[in-house]
Amino acid sequence: QVQLEESGGGWVQAGGSLSVSCVASGRTFRDSTMGWFRQAPGKEREFVAAITYTYSAYYSDSVKGRFIISRDNALNTVSLQMNSLKPEDAAVYYCAVGWPGLLRKLPAAYNYWGQGTQVTVSS
């Protein structure tokens, strides 16, 4: 049974930093793309960042230069370091794993999802 378990998140003041991590279990994910999405109340789930099994990283324009995604293939983990956080970054953050190819920014292209972890940014 595949499981994705997120940790981290929490509360931070604007300008601060937080990190979230995700551990995948139940199968091998070494050839997968691992990503992070977020969803704020009343909004659709949106792409944040993704990293391929060859360690190529992709970011949404809204977080580029502030967030860093990384992965450890041996441990089946993906992490997101979030710096210079803004109130508009507040959301539930979800990790996702799949084989999306060029569709890496589309939630529907991912096969497995975590339960989400809350990130709150106060102004």
N, C-alpha and C. Protein backbone atom coordinates (compact mmCIF):
# COMPACT_ATOMS: atom_id res chain seq x y z
N GLN A 1 0.85 -1.19 0.00
CA GLN A 1 0.00 0.00 0.00
C GLN A 1 0.89 1.25 0.00
N VAL A 2 0.68 2.11 -0.99
CA VAL A 2 1.47 3.33 -1.09
C VAL A 2 0.96 4.36 -0.11
N GLN A 3 1.89 4.97 0.59
CA GLN A 3 1.54 6.05 1.52
C GLN A 3 2.52 7.19 1.38
N LEU A 4 2.01 8.41 1.44
CA LEU A 4 2.83 9.60 1.48
C LEU A 4 2.52 10.32 2.78
N GLU A 5 3.54 10.57 3.56
CA GLU A 5 3.33 11.19 4.86
C GLU A 5 4.12 12.49 4.94
N GLU A 6 3.41 13.59 5.08
CA GLU A 6 4.05 14.90 5.17
C GLU A 6 4.34 15.26 6.62
N SER A 7 5.33 16.10 6.78
CA SER A 7 5.64 16.66 8.09
C SER A 7 6.17 18.07 7.89
N GLY A 8 6.22 18.80 8.98
CA GLY A 8 6.67 20.18 8.90
C GLY A 8 5.50 21.13 8.76
N GLY A 9 5.73 22.27 8.19
CA GLY A 9 4.69 23.28 8.11
C GLY A 9 4.54 23.98 9.44
N GLY A 10 3.42 24.67 9.61
CA GLY A 10 3.17 25.39 10.85
C GLY A 10 2.91 26.85 10.59
N TRP A 11 3.30 27.65 11.57
CA TRP A 11 3.03 29.09 11.52
C TRP A 11 4.33 29.87 11.46
N VAL A 12 4.33 30.96 10.69
CA VAL A 12 5.51 31.81 10.60
C VAL A 12 5.07 33.21 10.24
N GLN A 13 5.85 34.19 10.64
CA GLN A 13 5.58 35.55 10.22
C GLN A 13 6.09 35.79 8.81
N ALA A 14 5.50 36.72 8.13
CA ALA A 14 5.93 37.05 6.78
C ALA A 14 7.42 37.38 6.77
N GLY A 15 8.10 36.86 5.78
CA GLY A 15 9.54 37.03 5.69
C GLY A 15 10.32 35.89 6.29
N GLY A 16 9.66 35.03 7.03
CA GLY A 16 10.32 33.91 7.67
C GLY A 16 10.43 32.70 6.77
N SER A 17 10.90 31.61 7.36
CA SER A 17 11.14 30.38 6.61
C SER A 17 10.49 29.18 7.30
N LEU A 18 10.09 28.23 6.49
CA LEU A 18 9.57 26.96 6.96
C LEU A 18 9.99 25.88 5.98
N SER A 19 9.96 24.66 6.45
CA SER A 19 10.20 23.55 5.53
C SER A 19 9.14 22.48 5.74
N VAL A 20 8.82 21.79 4.67
CA VAL A 20 7.92 20.65 4.72
C VAL A 20 8.61 19.47 4.05
N SER A 21 8.33 18.29 4.57
CA SER A 21 8.94 17.08 4.02
C SER A 21 7.89 16.02 3.82
N CYS A 22 8.22 15.05 2.99
CA CYS A 22 7.28 13.98 2.68
C CYS A 22 8.06 12.68 2.50
N VAL A 23 7.59 11.64 3.14
CA VAL A 23 8.18 10.32 2.99
C VAL A 23 7.20 9.42 2.25
N ALA A 24 7.67 8.80 1.21
CA ALA A 24 6.83 7.89 0.42
C ALA A 24 7.21 6.45 0.75
N SER A 25 6.22 5.61 0.89
CA SER A 25 6.48 4.21 1.19
C SER A 25 5.51 3.32 0.42
N GLY A 26 5.86 2.07 0.31
CA GLY A 26 4.97 1.11 -0.32
C GLY A 26 5.45 0.63 -1.67
N ARG A 27 6.38 1.34 -2.27
CA ARG A 27 6.96 0.90 -3.53
C ARG A 27 8.19 1.75 -3.81
N THR A 28 8.86 1.45 -4.88
CA THR A 28 10.04 2.23 -5.28
C THR A 28 9.60 3.44 -6.09
N PHE A 29 10.16 4.59 -5.75
CA PHE A 29 9.82 5.81 -6.46
C PHE A 29 11.02 6.44 -7.14
N ARG A 30 12.08 5.69 -7.29
CA ARG A 30 13.31 6.28 -7.79
C ARG A 30 13.15 6.86 -9.19
N ASP A 31 12.23 6.32 -10.01
CA ASP A 31 12.10 6.83 -11.38
C ASP A 31 10.95 7.83 -11.51
N SER A 32 10.44 8.31 -10.39
CA SER A 32 9.26 9.16 -10.41
C SER A 32 9.61 10.63 -10.37
N THR A 33 8.60 11.44 -10.57
CA THR A 33 8.66 12.86 -10.27
C THR A 33 7.92 13.09 -8.95
N MET A 34 8.53 13.87 -8.10
CA MET A 34 7.93 14.18 -6.80
C MET A 34 7.64 15.68 -6.78
N GLY A 35 6.48 16.03 -6.30
CA GLY A 35 6.11 17.43 -6.37
C GLY A 35 5.39 17.93 -5.13
N TRP A 36 5.23 19.23 -5.11
CA TRP A 36 4.46 19.90 -4.06
C TRP A 36 3.39 20.77 -4.71
N PHE A 37 2.21 20.68 -4.17
CA PHE A 37 1.10 21.53 -4.56
C PHE A 37 0.56 22.20 -3.31
N ARG A 38 -0.25 23.21 -3.51
CA ARG A 38 -0.87 23.86 -2.36
C ARG A 38 -2.30 24.27 -2.72
N GLN A 39 -3.09 24.38 -1.68
CA GLN A 39 -4.48 24.78 -1.88
C GLN A 39 -4.90 25.68 -0.73
N ALA A 40 -5.28 26.89 -1.09
CA ALA A 40 -5.80 27.85 -0.12
C ALA A 40 -7.32 27.77 -0.11
N PRO A 41 -7.95 28.21 0.96
CA PRO A 41 -9.42 28.14 1.04
C PRO A 41 -10.08 28.84 -0.13
N GLY A 42 -11.01 28.15 -0.76
CA GLY A 42 -11.75 28.73 -1.87
C GLY A 42 -11.01 28.76 -3.18
N LYS A 43 -9.82 28.20 -3.21
CA LYS A 43 -9.03 28.21 -4.45
C LYS A 43 -8.73 26.79 -4.90
N GLU A 44 -8.36 26.67 -6.16
CA GLU A 44 -7.99 25.37 -6.70
C GLU A 44 -6.58 24.99 -6.24
N ARG A 45 -6.33 23.70 -6.26
CA ARG A 45 -5.00 23.21 -5.94
C ARG A 45 -4.04 23.68 -7.04
N GLU A 46 -2.91 24.22 -6.63
CA GLU A 46 -1.98 24.76 -7.60
C GLU A 46 -0.58 24.19 -7.43
N PHE A 47 0.11 24.14 -8.53
CA PHE A 47 1.47 23.64 -8.57
C PHE A 47 2.41 24.59 -7.85
N VAL A 48 3.35 24.00 -7.08
CA VAL A 48 4.37 24.80 -6.41
C VAL A 48 5.75 24.46 -6.96
N ALA A 49 6.10 23.18 -6.92
CA ALA A 49 7.42 22.75 -7.37
C ALA A 49 7.40 21.26 -7.64
N ALA A 50 8.33 20.82 -8.48
CA ALA A 50 8.48 19.40 -8.77
C ALA A 50 9.94 19.11 -9.04
N ILE A 51 10.32 17.87 -8.78
CA ILE A 51 11.69 17.44 -9.03
C ILE A 51 11.66 16.05 -9.63
N THR A 52 12.37 15.87 -10.72
CA THR A 52 12.38 14.58 -11.39
C THR A 52 13.38 13.64 -10.74
N TYR A 53 13.37 12.40 -11.19
CA TYR A 53 14.30 11.42 -10.62
C TYR A 53 15.74 11.72 -11.00
N THR A 54 15.94 12.58 -12.01
CA THR A 54 17.29 13.03 -12.37
C THR A 54 17.62 14.36 -11.71
N TYR A 55 16.78 14.76 -10.76
CA TYR A 55 17.02 15.94 -9.94
C TYR A 55 16.83 17.26 -10.68
N SER A 56 16.11 17.25 -11.80
CA SER A 56 15.73 18.51 -12.43
C SER A 56 14.57 19.11 -11.65
N ALA A 57 14.70 20.38 -11.29
CA ALA A 57 13.69 21.04 -10.46
C ALA A 57 12.92 22.08 -11.26
N TYR A 58 11.65 22.19 -10.94
CA TYR A 58 10.76 23.14 -11.62
C TYR A 58 9.94 23.86 -10.56
N TYR A 59 9.69 25.12 -10.81
CA TYR A 59 8.98 25.93 -9.83
C TYR A 59 7.91 26.77 -10.50
N SER A 60 6.88 27.09 -9.73
CA SER A 60 5.92 28.06 -10.23
C SER A 60 6.57 29.44 -10.17
N ASP A 61 6.09 30.34 -10.98
CA ASP A 61 6.66 31.68 -11.00
C ASP A 61 6.52 32.37 -9.65
N SER A 62 5.46 32.04 -8.93
CA SER A 62 5.20 32.73 -7.67
C SER A 62 6.17 32.36 -6.56
N VAL A 63 6.86 31.23 -6.69
CA VAL A 63 7.79 30.81 -5.63
C VAL A 63 9.23 30.74 -6.10
N LYS A 64 9.46 30.92 -7.38
CA LYS A 64 10.82 30.81 -7.93
C LYS A 64 11.73 31.81 -7.25
N GLY A 65 12.88 31.32 -6.82
CA GLY A 65 13.84 32.18 -6.14
C GLY A 65 13.65 32.23 -4.63
N ARG A 66 12.51 31.71 -4.14
CA ARG A 66 12.26 31.71 -2.69
C ARG A 66 12.19 30.30 -2.12
N PHE A 67 11.68 29.36 -2.91
CA PHE A 67 11.52 27.98 -2.46
C PHE A 67 12.56 27.08 -3.11
N ILE A 68 12.95 26.04 -2.39
CA ILE A 68 13.89 25.06 -2.93
C ILE A 68 13.34 23.66 -2.68
N ILE A 69 13.21 22.89 -3.76
CA ILE A 69 12.76 21.51 -3.63
C ILE A 69 13.97 20.58 -3.72
N SER A 70 13.93 19.52 -2.94
CA SER A 70 15.01 18.54 -2.98
C SER A 70 14.42 17.16 -2.73
N ARG A 71 15.18 16.15 -3.08
CA ARG A 71 14.73 14.79 -2.86
C ARG A 71 15.90 13.89 -2.51
N ASP A 72 15.60 12.79 -1.84
CA ASP A 72 16.59 11.77 -1.53
C ASP A 72 16.02 10.46 -2.05
N ASN A 73 16.56 9.98 -3.13
CA ASN A 73 16.02 8.76 -3.75
C ASN A 73 16.20 7.54 -2.85
N ALA A 74 17.28 7.51 -2.10
CA ALA A 74 17.52 6.36 -1.23
C ALA A 74 16.49 6.28 -0.11
N LEU A 75 16.01 7.43 0.34
CA LEU A 75 15.06 7.46 1.45
C LEU A 75 13.63 7.69 1.00
N ASN A 76 13.42 7.86 -0.32
CA ASN A 76 12.07 8.13 -0.85
C ASN A 76 11.46 9.38 -0.21
N THR A 77 12.24 10.42 -0.09
CA THR A 77 11.74 11.64 0.52
C THR A 77 11.85 12.83 -0.45
N VAL A 78 10.95 13.77 -0.26
CA VAL A 78 11.00 15.04 -0.98
C VAL A 78 10.75 16.14 0.04
N SER A 79 11.49 17.22 -0.09
CA SER A 79 11.38 18.32 0.86
C SER A 79 11.21 19.64 0.11
N LEU A 80 10.65 20.59 0.81
CA LEU A 80 10.46 21.92 0.25
C LEU A 80 10.89 22.94 1.30
N GLN A 81 11.96 23.64 1.01
CA GLN A 81 12.43 24.71 1.88
C GLN A 81 11.79 26.01 1.39
N MET A 82 11.05 26.67 2.26
CA MET A 82 10.31 27.86 1.87
C MET A 82 10.89 29.07 2.60
N ASN A 83 11.42 30.00 1.85
CA ASN A 83 12.04 31.20 2.40
C ASN A 83 11.26 32.44 1.98
N SER A 84 11.50 33.52 2.71
CA SER A 84 10.84 34.80 2.39
C SER A 84 9.35 34.61 2.20
N LEU A 85 8.74 33.92 3.13
CA LEU A 85 7.33 33.59 2.99
C LEU A 85 6.44 34.83 3.02
N LYS A 86 5.39 34.77 2.24
CA LYS A 86 4.43 35.85 2.12
C LYS A 86 3.06 35.36 2.60
N PRO A 87 2.20 36.26 3.01
CA PRO A 87 0.85 35.83 3.41
C PRO A 87 0.14 35.02 2.33
N GLU A 88 0.40 35.33 1.07
CA GLU A 88 -0.26 34.59 -0.01
C GLU A 88 0.30 33.18 -0.20
N ASP A 89 1.35 32.83 0.52
CA ASP A 89 1.85 31.45 0.48
C ASP A 89 1.08 30.54 1.44
N ALA A 90 0.27 31.12 2.29
CA ALA A 90 -0.49 30.33 3.25
C ALA A 90 -1.46 29.40 2.53
N ALA A 91 -1.41 28.13 2.90
CA ALA A 91 -2.24 27.12 2.25
C ALA A 91 -1.98 25.77 2.90
N VAL A 92 -2.73 24.78 2.49
CA VAL A 92 -2.40 23.40 2.81
C VAL A 92 -1.47 22.91 1.70
N TYR A 93 -0.33 22.39 2.09
CA TYR A 93 0.66 21.92 1.14
C TYR A 93 0.59 20.40 1.05
N TYR A 94 0.53 19.92 -0.18
CA TYR A 94 0.42 18.49 -0.46
C TYR A 94 1.64 18.00 -1.24
N CYS A 95 2.17 16.87 -0.85
CA CYS A 95 3.18 16.24 -1.69
C CYS A 95 2.49 15.25 -2.63
N ALA A 96 3.10 15.06 -3.76
CA ALA A 96 2.53 14.19 -4.78
C ALA A 96 3.65 13.45 -5.49
N VAL A 97 3.35 12.26 -5.92
CA VAL A 97 4.34 11.44 -6.63
C VAL A 97 3.67 10.82 -7.86
N GLY A 98 4.40 10.81 -8.95
CA GLY A 98 3.84 10.20 -10.15
C GLY A 98 4.83 10.21 -11.28
N TRP A 99 4.30 10.01 -12.47
CA TRP A 99 5.10 9.98 -13.68
C TRP A 99 4.43 10.91 -14.70
N PRO A 100 4.42 12.21 -14.42
CA PRO A 100 3.63 13.15 -15.20
C PRO A 100 4.25 13.58 -16.51
N GLY A 101 5.55 13.32 -16.68
CA GLY A 101 6.21 13.79 -17.90
C GLY A 101 6.16 15.31 -17.97
N LEU A 102 5.75 15.83 -19.12
CA LEU A 102 5.70 17.27 -19.31
C LEU A 102 4.50 17.90 -18.61
N LEU A 103 3.60 17.07 -18.08
CA LEU A 103 2.40 17.59 -17.41
C LEU A 103 2.63 17.76 -15.92
N ARG A 104 3.85 18.03 -15.52
CA ARG A 104 4.23 18.05 -14.11
C ARG A 104 3.52 19.11 -13.31
N LYS A 105 2.92 20.11 -13.95
CA LYS A 105 2.22 21.16 -13.22
C LYS A 105 0.74 20.85 -13.01
N LEU A 106 0.28 19.74 -13.51
CA LEU A 106 -1.13 19.37 -13.40
C LEU A 106 -1.36 18.37 -12.29
N PRO A 107 -2.21 18.69 -11.32
CA PRO A 107 -2.48 17.74 -10.24
C PRO A 107 -2.96 16.38 -10.75
N ALA A 108 -3.75 16.37 -11.78
CA ALA A 108 -4.31 15.11 -12.28
C ALA A 108 -3.24 14.18 -12.85
N ALA A 109 -2.05 14.70 -13.09
CA ALA A 109 -0.99 13.88 -13.67
C ALA A 109 -0.22 13.08 -12.62
N TYR A 110 -0.55 13.26 -11.36
CA TYR A 110 0.15 12.57 -10.27
C TYR A 110 -0.71 11.43 -9.74
N ASN A 111 -0.05 10.36 -9.33
CA ASN A 111 -0.75 9.15 -8.95
C ASN A 111 -1.03 9.05 -7.45
N TYR A 112 -0.14 9.59 -6.65
CA TYR A 112 -0.26 9.42 -5.20
C TYR A 112 -0.15 10.78 -4.51
N TRP A 113 -0.90 10.92 -3.44
CA TRP A 113 -0.97 12.19 -2.71
C TRP A 113 -0.89 11.97 -1.21
N GLY A 114 -0.27 12.94 -0.54
CA GLY A 114 -0.30 12.97 0.89
C GLY A 114 -1.58 13.63 1.39
N GLN A 115 -1.72 13.66 2.71
CA GLN A 115 -2.92 14.22 3.32
C GLN A 115 -2.86 15.74 3.44
N GLY A 116 -1.69 16.31 3.31
CA GLY A 116 -1.55 17.76 3.38
C GLY A 116 -1.08 18.22 4.75
N THR A 117 -0.37 19.34 4.74
CA THR A 117 0.09 19.96 5.98
C THR A 117 -0.13 21.46 5.87
N GLN A 118 -0.58 22.07 6.93
CA GLN A 118 -0.95 23.48 6.90
C GLN A 118 0.26 24.38 7.06
N VAL A 119 0.31 25.40 6.23
CA VAL A 119 1.31 26.46 6.36
C VAL A 119 0.54 27.77 6.53
N THR A 120 0.81 28.45 7.62
CA THR A 120 0.16 29.73 7.92
C THR A 120 1.21 30.81 7.97
N VAL A 121 0.97 31.92 7.27
CA VAL A 121 1.91 33.04 7.23
C VAL A 121 1.15 34.28 7.67
N SER A 122 1.61 34.88 8.75
CA SER A 122 0.94 36.08 9.23
C SER A 122 1.67 37.32 8.75
N SER A 123 0.89 38.35 8.49
CA SER A 123 1.49 39.59 7.99
C SER A 123 1.87 40.52 9.12
